[in-house]
Amino acid sequence: MTLKDLHIDNTWTLFLDRDGVINKKLENDYVKHTTDFEFIDGVLNALRILNTQFGKIVIVTNQQCIGKRIILPEDLDLIHQNMLYEISYLEGRIDKIYYAPHLASDNHPDRKPGIGMALKAQKDFPEIDFNKSIIVGDSLSDMEFGRNASMKTVYISNEPKDDERIDFNFKGLIYFAHTLSTNLNN
């Protein structure tokens, strides 16, 4: 299967993980302030390209730093407001952000690999069809989330991984966006 085989158009939805896909992941730490948030190279350009390819683009992110009381929900909202401003300023688009503040030990259905955030997105945007959705993430938990919701999966890593939960491997969101754009325009 190739991206071209999917026949992606504006009836498709793109689900994006945040840390490690949109912004640089902090090892053994959390993005706690706007000054900690740094876009991965090429992401803003990727989001500009993807804006024209997908009908809906949403972020689904586990943020147990709230459950651990490291940051407040208001802090996360400010980080996300700044992120959204930069994305929209450069002609990208995120339709909505969903986050799970729960601890991993809570096994809450909103926390990936549970599909609670996907179901909330579908409730907010009834046109979302999980069979016409892609999750882009940098963890196997993201891939499992996609599989649990019947989505196609794109794994972001410098090292491609061979795993039954992964449909496509890319080094970064910009490589996915360029490949998709090239396939759709040919």
N, C-alpha and C. Protein backbone atom coordinates (compact mmCIF):
# COMPACT_ATOMS: atom_id res chain seq x y z
N MET A 1 0.84 -1.18 0.00
CA MET A 1 0.00 0.00 0.00
C MET A 1 0.89 1.25 0.00
N THR A 2 0.50 2.23 -0.81
CA THR A 2 1.19 3.52 -0.83
C THR A 2 0.20 4.61 -0.44
N LEU A 3 0.72 5.79 -0.15
CA LEU A 3 -0.17 6.90 0.18
C LEU A 3 -1.13 7.20 -0.97
N LYS A 4 -0.63 7.04 -2.19
CA LYS A 4 -1.48 7.31 -3.37
C LYS A 4 -2.70 6.38 -3.40
N ASP A 5 -2.52 5.13 -2.93
CA ASP A 5 -3.60 4.15 -2.92
C ASP A 5 -4.76 4.56 -2.01
N LEU A 6 -4.49 5.46 -1.07
CA LEU A 6 -5.52 5.87 -0.12
C LEU A 6 -6.52 6.86 -0.70
N HIS A 7 -6.13 7.53 -1.80
CA HIS A 7 -7.00 8.53 -2.43
C HIS A 7 -7.44 9.60 -1.43
N ILE A 8 -6.46 10.19 -0.76
CA ILE A 8 -6.74 11.20 0.26
C ILE A 8 -7.25 12.49 -0.39
N ASP A 9 -8.34 13.00 0.19
CA ASP A 9 -8.90 14.28 -0.26
C ASP A 9 -9.45 14.99 0.97
N ASN A 10 -10.22 16.04 0.75
CA ASN A 10 -10.68 16.84 1.89
C ASN A 10 -11.79 16.18 2.71
N THR A 11 -12.12 14.92 2.42
CA THR A 11 -13.03 14.17 3.29
C THR A 11 -12.24 13.40 4.35
N TRP A 12 -10.92 13.45 4.27
CA TRP A 12 -10.05 12.74 5.22
C TRP A 12 -9.72 13.64 6.40
N THR A 13 -9.40 13.00 7.52
CA THR A 13 -8.99 13.70 8.75
C THR A 13 -7.57 13.28 9.11
N LEU A 14 -6.79 14.26 9.54
CA LEU A 14 -5.43 14.01 10.00
C LEU A 14 -5.39 14.22 11.51
N PHE A 15 -5.02 13.17 12.23
CA PHE A 15 -4.80 13.23 13.66
C PHE A 15 -3.29 13.31 13.88
N LEU A 16 -2.87 14.26 14.69
CA LEU A 16 -1.44 14.45 14.95
C LEU A 16 -1.14 14.34 16.43
N ASP A 17 -0.11 13.58 16.77
CA ASP A 17 0.44 13.64 18.11
C ASP A 17 1.20 14.97 18.19
N ARG A 18 1.48 15.46 19.40
CA ARG A 18 2.18 16.75 19.50
C ARG A 18 3.68 16.56 19.74
N ASP A 19 4.05 16.09 20.93
CA ASP A 19 5.46 15.98 21.29
C ASP A 19 6.17 14.94 20.43
N GLY A 20 7.20 15.36 19.72
CA GLY A 20 7.95 14.45 18.86
C GLY A 20 7.47 14.46 17.41
N VAL A 21 6.32 15.09 17.16
CA VAL A 21 5.79 15.21 15.80
C VAL A 21 5.76 16.69 15.39
N ILE A 22 5.19 17.52 16.26
CA ILE A 22 5.09 18.95 15.99
C ILE A 22 6.22 19.72 16.67
N ASN A 23 6.44 19.42 17.93
CA ASN A 23 7.51 20.09 18.67
C ASN A 23 8.54 19.08 19.14
N LYS A 24 9.73 19.61 19.41
CA LYS A 24 10.82 18.76 19.90
C LYS A 24 10.44 18.20 21.26
N LYS A 25 10.63 16.90 21.40
CA LYS A 25 10.32 16.21 22.65
C LYS A 25 11.47 16.47 23.63
N LEU A 26 11.13 16.81 24.84
CA LEU A 26 12.14 17.01 25.88
C LEU A 26 12.36 15.67 26.58
N GLU A 27 13.60 15.21 26.57
CA GLU A 27 13.89 13.91 27.18
C GLU A 27 13.71 13.99 28.69
N ASN A 28 12.94 13.07 29.23
CA ASN A 28 12.69 12.97 30.67
C ASN A 28 12.15 14.27 31.27
N ASP A 29 11.40 15.03 30.48
CA ASP A 29 10.84 16.28 30.96
C ASP A 29 9.58 16.59 30.14
N TYR A 30 8.91 17.66 30.50
CA TYR A 30 7.69 18.08 29.83
C TYR A 30 7.83 19.52 29.35
N VAL A 31 7.10 19.86 28.31
CA VAL A 31 6.98 21.25 27.90
C VAL A 31 6.10 21.93 28.94
N LYS A 32 6.71 22.79 29.75
CA LYS A 32 5.99 23.41 30.86
C LYS A 32 5.69 24.88 30.63
N HIS A 33 6.41 25.50 29.72
CA HIS A 33 6.25 26.93 29.43
C HIS A 33 6.34 27.13 27.92
N THR A 34 5.85 28.26 27.46
CA THR A 34 5.95 28.55 26.03
C THR A 34 7.41 28.58 25.59
N THR A 35 8.32 28.94 26.49
CA THR A 35 9.75 28.99 26.13
C THR A 35 10.35 27.59 25.94
N ASP A 36 9.67 26.56 26.46
CA ASP A 36 10.14 25.17 26.29
C ASP A 36 9.70 24.59 24.95
N PHE A 37 8.70 25.23 24.33
CA PHE A 37 8.10 24.68 23.11
C PHE A 37 8.92 25.13 21.91
N GLU A 38 9.43 24.15 21.15
CA GLU A 38 10.21 24.45 19.95
C GLU A 38 9.73 23.56 18.80
N PHE A 39 9.27 24.20 17.73
CA PHE A 39 8.82 23.43 16.57
C PHE A 39 9.97 22.62 15.98
N ILE A 40 9.67 21.42 15.54
CA ILE A 40 10.64 20.61 14.81
C ILE A 40 10.84 21.27 13.45
N ASP A 41 12.06 21.25 12.95
CA ASP A 41 12.37 21.85 11.64
C ASP A 41 11.42 21.30 10.57
N GLY A 42 10.85 22.21 9.80
CA GLY A 42 9.99 21.83 8.68
C GLY A 42 8.52 21.65 9.03
N VAL A 43 8.18 21.62 10.32
CA VAL A 43 6.80 21.34 10.71
C VAL A 43 5.83 22.43 10.25
N LEU A 44 6.22 23.68 10.39
CA LEU A 44 5.31 24.76 9.99
C LEU A 44 5.03 24.71 8.49
N ASN A 45 6.05 24.41 7.70
CA ASN A 45 5.85 24.24 6.26
C ASN A 45 4.98 23.01 5.99
N ALA A 46 5.22 21.93 6.74
CA ALA A 46 4.42 20.71 6.57
C ALA A 46 2.94 20.99 6.85
N LEU A 47 2.67 21.74 7.91
CA LEU A 47 1.27 22.03 8.25
C LEU A 47 0.61 22.93 7.21
N ARG A 48 1.38 23.80 6.57
CA ARG A 48 0.86 24.62 5.48
C ARG A 48 0.46 23.72 4.30
N ILE A 49 1.30 22.75 3.98
CA ILE A 49 1.01 21.81 2.89
C ILE A 49 -0.20 20.93 3.25
N LEU A 50 -0.21 20.39 4.46
CA LEU A 50 -1.27 19.47 4.88
C LEU A 50 -2.62 20.17 5.00
N ASN A 51 -2.60 21.47 5.26
CA ASN A 51 -3.81 22.27 5.34
C ASN A 51 -4.66 22.12 4.09
N THR A 52 -4.02 21.98 2.94
CA THR A 52 -4.74 21.88 1.67
C THR A 52 -5.16 20.44 1.34
N GLN A 53 -4.63 19.47 2.09
CA GLN A 53 -4.87 18.06 1.76
C GLN A 53 -5.99 17.41 2.56
N PHE A 54 -6.23 17.91 3.79
CA PHE A 54 -7.17 17.26 4.70
C PHE A 54 -8.32 18.18 5.06
N GLY A 55 -9.51 17.60 5.22
CA GLY A 55 -10.68 18.37 5.63
C GLY A 55 -10.59 18.82 7.08
N LYS A 56 -10.09 17.96 7.95
CA LYS A 56 -9.91 18.28 9.37
C LYS A 56 -8.51 17.86 9.80
N ILE A 57 -7.93 18.69 10.66
CA ILE A 57 -6.63 18.38 11.26
C ILE A 57 -6.76 18.63 12.75
N VAL A 58 -6.55 17.59 13.55
CA VAL A 58 -6.66 17.71 15.00
C VAL A 58 -5.42 17.13 15.68
N ILE A 59 -5.14 17.68 16.84
CA ILE A 59 -4.04 17.16 17.66
C ILE A 59 -4.65 16.32 18.77
N VAL A 60 -4.05 15.17 19.02
CA VAL A 60 -4.42 14.30 20.15
C VAL A 60 -3.13 14.03 20.92
N THR A 61 -3.10 14.49 22.18
CA THR A 61 -1.85 14.42 22.93
C THR A 61 -2.08 14.02 24.38
N ASN A 62 -1.30 13.05 24.82
CA ASN A 62 -1.30 12.68 26.24
C ASN A 62 -0.49 13.73 26.99
N GLN A 63 -1.05 14.30 28.03
CA GLN A 63 -0.36 15.33 28.82
C GLN A 63 -0.50 15.01 30.30
N GLN A 64 0.18 13.92 30.71
CA GLN A 64 0.07 13.53 32.11
C GLN A 64 0.80 14.50 33.04
N CYS A 65 1.52 15.47 32.48
CA CYS A 65 2.14 16.50 33.31
C CYS A 65 1.07 17.26 34.11
N ILE A 66 -0.15 17.32 33.59
CA ILE A 66 -1.25 17.95 34.34
C ILE A 66 -1.67 17.03 35.49
N GLY A 67 -1.84 15.76 35.20
CA GLY A 67 -2.20 14.79 36.24
C GLY A 67 -1.14 14.70 37.33
N LYS A 68 0.12 14.92 36.97
CA LYS A 68 1.22 14.92 37.95
C LYS A 68 1.33 16.25 38.68
N ARG A 69 0.50 17.21 38.29
CA ARG A 69 0.50 18.55 38.88
C ARG A 69 1.81 19.29 38.66
N ILE A 70 2.43 19.02 37.51
CA ILE A 70 3.66 19.74 37.13
C ILE A 70 3.28 21.06 36.48
N ILE A 71 2.21 21.04 35.68
CA ILE A 71 1.67 22.28 35.11
C ILE A 71 0.16 22.29 35.29
N LEU A 72 -0.41 23.46 35.17
CA LEU A 72 -1.86 23.62 35.25
C LEU A 72 -2.47 23.58 33.86
N PRO A 73 -3.75 23.23 33.74
CA PRO A 73 -4.40 23.28 32.43
C PRO A 73 -4.26 24.64 31.75
N GLU A 74 -4.26 25.71 32.53
CA GLU A 74 -4.11 27.06 31.98
C GLU A 74 -2.75 27.24 31.31
N ASP A 75 -1.71 26.62 31.90
CA ASP A 75 -0.36 26.68 31.31
C ASP A 75 -0.36 25.98 29.95
N LEU A 76 -1.00 24.81 29.89
CA LEU A 76 -1.08 24.06 28.64
C LEU A 76 -1.86 24.86 27.59
N ASP A 77 -2.95 25.49 28.02
CA ASP A 77 -3.73 26.31 27.09
C ASP A 77 -2.89 27.43 26.50
N LEU A 78 -2.07 28.07 27.31
CA LEU A 78 -1.20 29.15 26.82
C LEU A 78 -0.17 28.62 25.82
N ILE A 79 0.41 27.48 26.12
CA ILE A 79 1.37 26.85 25.19
C ILE A 79 0.67 26.58 23.86
N HIS A 80 -0.54 26.04 23.93
CA HIS A 80 -1.29 25.71 22.72
C HIS A 80 -1.74 26.96 21.96
N GLN A 81 -2.13 28.00 22.66
CA GLN A 81 -2.51 29.26 21.99
C GLN A 81 -1.33 29.81 21.19
N ASN A 82 -0.15 29.82 21.78
CA ASN A 82 1.04 30.30 21.07
C ASN A 82 1.37 29.43 19.87
N MET A 83 1.26 28.11 20.05
CA MET A 83 1.52 27.17 18.96
C MET A 83 0.54 27.42 17.81
N LEU A 84 -0.76 27.53 18.13
CA LEU A 84 -1.77 27.75 17.10
C LEU A 84 -1.57 29.07 16.38
N TYR A 85 -1.16 30.10 17.10
CA TYR A 85 -0.91 31.39 16.47
C TYR A 85 0.18 31.27 15.41
N GLU A 86 1.29 30.63 15.77
CA GLU A 86 2.39 30.48 14.81
C GLU A 86 1.98 29.63 13.61
N ILE A 87 1.23 28.56 13.87
CA ILE A 87 0.78 27.69 12.78
C ILE A 87 -0.12 28.46 11.82
N SER A 88 -1.11 29.18 12.35
CA SER A 88 -2.04 29.89 11.47
C SER A 88 -1.37 31.07 10.79
N TYR A 89 -0.43 31.72 11.47
CA TYR A 89 0.29 32.84 10.87
C TYR A 89 1.02 32.41 9.61
N LEU A 90 1.51 31.16 9.60
CA LEU A 90 2.24 30.65 8.45
C LEU A 90 1.36 29.75 7.57
N GLU A 91 0.04 29.99 7.62
CA GLU A 91 -0.94 29.37 6.74
C GLU A 91 -1.16 27.88 6.96
N GLY A 92 -0.88 27.43 8.17
CA GLY A 92 -1.24 26.08 8.56
C GLY A 92 -2.58 26.12 9.29
N ARG A 93 -3.04 24.97 9.72
CA ARG A 93 -4.34 24.92 10.40
C ARG A 93 -4.40 23.72 11.32
N ILE A 94 -4.91 23.96 12.52
CA ILE A 94 -5.29 22.90 13.44
C ILE A 94 -6.73 23.23 13.83
N ASP A 95 -7.65 22.30 13.58
CA ASP A 95 -9.06 22.57 13.86
C ASP A 95 -9.39 22.47 15.34
N LYS A 96 -8.72 21.59 16.06
CA LYS A 96 -8.95 21.48 17.50
C LYS A 96 -7.85 20.65 18.13
N ILE A 97 -7.61 20.91 19.41
CA ILE A 97 -6.62 20.15 20.18
C ILE A 97 -7.36 19.39 21.27
N TYR A 98 -7.06 18.11 21.37
CA TYR A 98 -7.59 17.27 22.45
C TYR A 98 -6.41 16.77 23.25
N TYR A 99 -6.54 16.83 24.58
CA TYR A 99 -5.46 16.30 25.40
C TYR A 99 -6.03 15.47 26.54
N ALA A 100 -5.26 14.48 26.93
CA ALA A 100 -5.62 13.61 28.05
C ALA A 100 -4.69 13.96 29.21
N PRO A 101 -5.23 14.56 30.29
CA PRO A 101 -4.40 14.97 31.41
C PRO A 101 -4.12 13.84 32.40
N HIS A 102 -4.62 12.67 32.13
CA HIS A 102 -4.59 11.55 33.07
C HIS A 102 -3.22 10.91 33.17
N LEU A 103 -2.94 10.35 34.33
CA LEU A 103 -1.71 9.60 34.53
C LEU A 103 -1.78 8.30 33.74
N ALA A 104 -0.62 7.81 33.31
CA ALA A 104 -0.58 6.54 32.58
C ALA A 104 -1.18 5.43 33.43
N SER A 105 -0.93 5.47 34.73
CA SER A 105 -1.43 4.42 35.64
C SER A 105 -2.95 4.42 35.78
N ASP A 106 -3.61 5.53 35.37
CA ASP A 106 -5.07 5.61 35.47
C ASP A 106 -5.78 4.73 34.43
N ASN A 107 -5.07 4.39 33.35
CA ASN A 107 -5.67 3.62 32.25
C ASN A 107 -6.98 4.25 31.78
N HIS A 108 -7.01 5.56 31.71
CA HIS A 108 -8.22 6.28 31.31
C HIS A 108 -8.44 6.09 29.80
N PRO A 109 -9.69 5.91 29.36
CA PRO A 109 -9.95 5.67 27.93
C PRO A 109 -9.61 6.85 27.03
N ASP A 110 -9.47 8.06 27.60
CA ASP A 110 -9.07 9.20 26.77
C ASP A 110 -7.59 9.15 26.45
N ARG A 111 -6.82 8.50 27.29
CA ARG A 111 -5.37 8.47 27.12
C ARG A 111 -5.00 7.44 26.05
N LYS A 112 -4.18 7.87 25.07
CA LYS A 112 -3.74 6.91 24.05
C LYS A 112 -2.97 5.79 24.74
N PRO A 113 -3.17 4.54 24.34
CA PRO A 113 -3.79 4.07 23.09
C PRO A 113 -5.32 3.97 23.10
N GLY A 114 -5.97 4.36 24.20
CA GLY A 114 -7.43 4.44 24.19
C GLY A 114 -7.89 5.46 23.16
N ILE A 115 -9.12 5.34 22.68
CA ILE A 115 -9.56 6.20 21.57
C ILE A 115 -10.53 7.30 22.02
N GLY A 116 -10.54 7.59 23.31
CA GLY A 116 -11.44 8.62 23.81
C GLY A 116 -11.30 9.96 23.11
N MET A 117 -10.07 10.39 22.85
CA MET A 117 -9.88 11.68 22.17
C MET A 117 -10.40 11.63 20.74
N ALA A 118 -10.24 10.50 20.07
CA ALA A 118 -10.77 10.35 18.71
C ALA A 118 -12.29 10.42 18.72
N LEU A 119 -12.90 9.80 19.70
CA LEU A 119 -14.36 9.82 19.81
C LEU A 119 -14.87 11.23 20.10
N LYS A 120 -14.13 11.99 20.92
CA LYS A 120 -14.51 13.39 21.18
C LYS A 120 -14.41 14.21 19.89
N ALA A 121 -13.35 13.97 19.12
CA ALA A 121 -13.21 14.69 17.84
C ALA A 121 -14.37 14.36 16.91
N GLN A 122 -14.74 13.09 16.86
CA GLN A 122 -15.85 12.68 15.99
C GLN A 122 -17.18 13.27 16.48
N LYS A 123 -17.33 13.43 17.78
CA LYS A 123 -18.55 14.06 18.31
C LYS A 123 -18.59 15.54 17.90
N ASP A 124 -17.42 16.21 17.99
CA ASP A 124 -17.35 17.63 17.61
C ASP A 124 -17.46 17.83 16.10
N PHE A 125 -16.94 16.88 15.34
CA PHE A 125 -16.94 16.95 13.87
C PHE A 125 -17.53 15.64 13.34
N PRO A 126 -18.86 15.55 13.26
CA PRO A 126 -19.51 14.29 12.87
C PRO A 126 -19.08 13.75 11.50
N GLU A 127 -18.50 14.61 10.67
CA GLU A 127 -18.06 14.14 9.34
C GLU A 127 -16.80 13.28 9.41
N ILE A 128 -16.15 13.22 10.56
CA ILE A 128 -14.94 12.39 10.69
C ILE A 128 -15.31 10.92 10.54
N ASP A 129 -14.62 10.27 9.62
CA ASP A 129 -14.76 8.84 9.37
C ASP A 129 -13.39 8.24 9.69
N PHE A 130 -13.32 7.40 10.72
CA PHE A 130 -12.02 6.84 11.12
C PHE A 130 -11.38 6.00 10.01
N ASN A 131 -12.19 5.43 9.12
CA ASN A 131 -11.63 4.68 8.00
C ASN A 131 -10.99 5.60 6.97
N LYS A 132 -11.26 6.90 7.10
CA LYS A 132 -10.64 7.91 6.22
C LYS A 132 -9.87 8.89 7.09
N SER A 133 -9.10 8.32 8.01
CA SER A 133 -8.29 9.12 8.93
C SER A 133 -6.90 8.52 9.04
N ILE A 134 -5.95 9.41 9.33
CA ILE A 134 -4.55 9.02 9.53
C ILE A 134 -4.10 9.60 10.86
N ILE A 135 -3.40 8.79 11.65
CA ILE A 135 -2.72 9.29 12.85
C ILE A 135 -1.22 9.35 12.53
N VAL A 136 -0.61 10.48 12.85
CA VAL A 136 0.85 10.62 12.72
C VAL A 136 1.39 10.75 14.14
N GLY A 137 2.26 9.83 14.51
CA GLY A 137 2.82 9.84 15.86
C GLY A 137 4.22 9.27 15.90
N ASP A 138 4.86 9.45 17.04
CA ASP A 138 6.24 8.98 17.19
C ASP A 138 6.36 7.87 18.22
N SER A 139 5.24 7.26 18.60
CA SER A 139 5.30 6.16 19.57
C SER A 139 4.38 5.03 19.12
N LEU A 140 4.66 3.84 19.62
CA LEU A 140 3.79 2.71 19.29
C LEU A 140 2.43 2.87 19.94
N SER A 141 2.35 3.65 21.02
CA SER A 141 1.06 3.97 21.62
C SER A 141 0.19 4.75 20.63
N ASP A 142 0.81 5.67 19.88
CA ASP A 142 0.07 6.41 18.84
C ASP A 142 -0.41 5.45 17.75
N MET A 143 0.45 4.51 17.38
CA MET A 143 0.09 3.56 16.33
C MET A 143 -1.05 2.65 16.80
N GLU A 144 -0.99 2.25 18.07
CA GLU A 144 -2.05 1.41 18.63
C GLU A 144 -3.37 2.19 18.70
N PHE A 145 -3.29 3.47 19.06
CA PHE A 145 -4.47 4.36 19.05
C PHE A 145 -5.10 4.33 17.65
N GLY A 146 -4.27 4.49 16.62
CA GLY A 146 -4.77 4.47 15.25
C GLY A 146 -5.42 3.15 14.90
N ARG A 147 -4.77 2.07 15.26
CA ARG A 147 -5.32 0.74 14.97
C ARG A 147 -6.64 0.53 15.71
N ASN A 148 -6.68 0.95 16.99
CA ASN A 148 -7.90 0.77 17.80
C ASN A 148 -9.08 1.54 17.21
N ALA A 149 -8.80 2.61 16.46
CA ALA A 149 -9.87 3.42 15.85
C ALA A 149 -10.00 3.17 14.34
N SER A 150 -9.32 2.15 13.82
CA SER A 150 -9.39 1.79 12.39
C SER A 150 -8.83 2.88 11.47
N MET A 151 -7.79 3.57 11.93
CA MET A 151 -7.13 4.60 11.11
C MET A 151 -5.89 4.01 10.44
N LYS A 152 -5.39 4.72 9.43
CA LYS A 152 -4.08 4.43 8.88
C LYS A 152 -3.05 5.08 9.80
N THR A 153 -1.87 4.50 9.87
CA THR A 153 -0.87 4.97 10.83
C THR A 153 0.42 5.39 10.14
N VAL A 154 0.97 6.50 10.61
CA VAL A 154 2.26 7.02 10.11
C VAL A 154 3.16 7.18 11.32
N TYR A 155 4.27 6.47 11.29
CA TYR A 155 5.24 6.48 12.39
C TYR A 155 6.38 7.43 12.04
N ILE A 156 6.64 8.37 12.95
CA ILE A 156 7.70 9.35 12.76
C ILE A 156 8.92 8.95 13.59
N SER A 157 10.03 8.70 12.91
CA SER A 157 11.27 8.33 13.60
C SER A 157 12.41 8.38 12.59
N ASN A 158 13.62 8.65 13.10
CA ASN A 158 14.80 8.59 12.24
C ASN A 158 15.08 7.17 11.79
N GLU A 159 14.64 6.21 12.60
CA GLU A 159 14.84 4.79 12.28
C GLU A 159 13.49 4.16 11.96
N PRO A 160 13.28 3.73 10.70
CA PRO A 160 12.01 3.06 10.36
C PRO A 160 11.81 1.83 11.25
N LYS A 161 10.58 1.56 11.60
CA LYS A 161 10.27 0.43 12.46
C LYS A 161 9.36 -0.52 11.69
N ASP A 162 9.65 -1.79 11.80
CA ASP A 162 8.82 -2.82 11.19
C ASP A 162 7.89 -3.37 12.26
N ASP A 163 6.64 -2.96 12.21
CA ASP A 163 5.67 -3.36 13.22
C ASP A 163 4.30 -3.42 12.53
N GLU A 164 3.51 -4.41 12.88
CA GLU A 164 2.22 -4.60 12.22
C GLU A 164 1.26 -3.43 12.43
N ARG A 165 1.52 -2.59 13.45
CA ARG A 165 0.65 -1.44 13.71
C ARG A 165 1.00 -0.23 12.85
N ILE A 166 2.11 -0.31 12.13
CA ILE A 166 2.59 0.83 11.35
C ILE A 166 2.33 0.60 9.87
N ASP A 167 1.64 1.57 9.24
CA ASP A 167 1.41 1.50 7.80
C ASP A 167 2.52 2.19 7.02
N PHE A 168 3.01 3.33 7.54
CA PHE A 168 4.02 4.11 6.84
C PHE A 168 5.04 4.65 7.84
N ASN A 169 6.30 4.71 7.42
CA ASN A 169 7.38 5.28 8.21
C ASN A 169 7.90 6.54 7.52
N PHE A 170 8.10 7.61 8.27
CA PHE A 170 8.72 8.83 7.76
C PHE A 170 9.65 9.41 8.83
N LYS A 171 10.68 10.12 8.37
CA LYS A 171 11.62 10.74 9.31
C LYS A 171 11.02 11.94 10.03
N GLY A 172 10.02 12.56 9.44
CA GLY A 172 9.41 13.73 10.06
C GLY A 172 8.14 14.10 9.33
N LEU A 173 7.39 15.00 9.93
CA LEU A 173 6.11 15.42 9.35
C LEU A 173 6.31 16.06 7.97
N ILE A 174 7.41 16.78 7.79
CA ILE A 174 7.67 17.42 6.50
C ILE A 174 7.86 16.39 5.39
N TYR A 175 8.48 15.26 5.70
CA TYR A 175 8.68 14.20 4.69
C TYR A 175 7.34 13.57 4.32
N PHE A 176 6.49 13.37 5.31
CA PHE A 176 5.14 12.86 5.05
C PHE A 176 4.37 13.84 4.17
N ALA A 177 4.41 15.13 4.52
CA ALA A 177 3.67 16.16 3.77
C ALA A 177 4.16 16.23 2.32
N HIS A 178 5.48 16.23 2.12
CA HIS A 178 6.01 16.30 0.75
C HIS A 178 5.64 15.06 -0.05
N THR A 179 5.74 13.89 0.55
CA THR A 179 5.40 12.65 -0.15
C THR A 179 3.93 12.64 -0.52
N LEU A 180 3.08 13.02 0.42
CA LEU A 180 1.64 13.07 0.17
C LEU A 180 1.32 14.08 -0.94
N SER A 181 1.89 15.23 -0.84
CA SER A 181 1.66 16.30 -1.83
C SER A 181 2.11 15.86 -3.23
N THR A 182 3.26 15.22 -3.30
CA THR A 182 3.79 14.73 -4.59
C THR A 182 2.87 13.67 -5.17
N ASN A 183 2.41 12.74 -4.30
CA ASN A 183 1.54 11.66 -4.77
C ASN A 183 0.19 12.18 -5.25
N LEU A 184 -0.33 13.19 -4.58
CA LEU A 184 -1.65 13.70 -4.94
C LEU A 184 -1.62 14.59 -6.18
N ASN A 185 -0.46 15.16 -6.44
CA ASN A 185 -0.35 16.07 -7.58
C ASN A 185 0.17 15.38 -8.84
N ASN A 186 0.38 14.08 -8.78
CA ASN A 186 0.86 13.34 -9.96
C ASN A 186 -0.21 12.44 -10.49
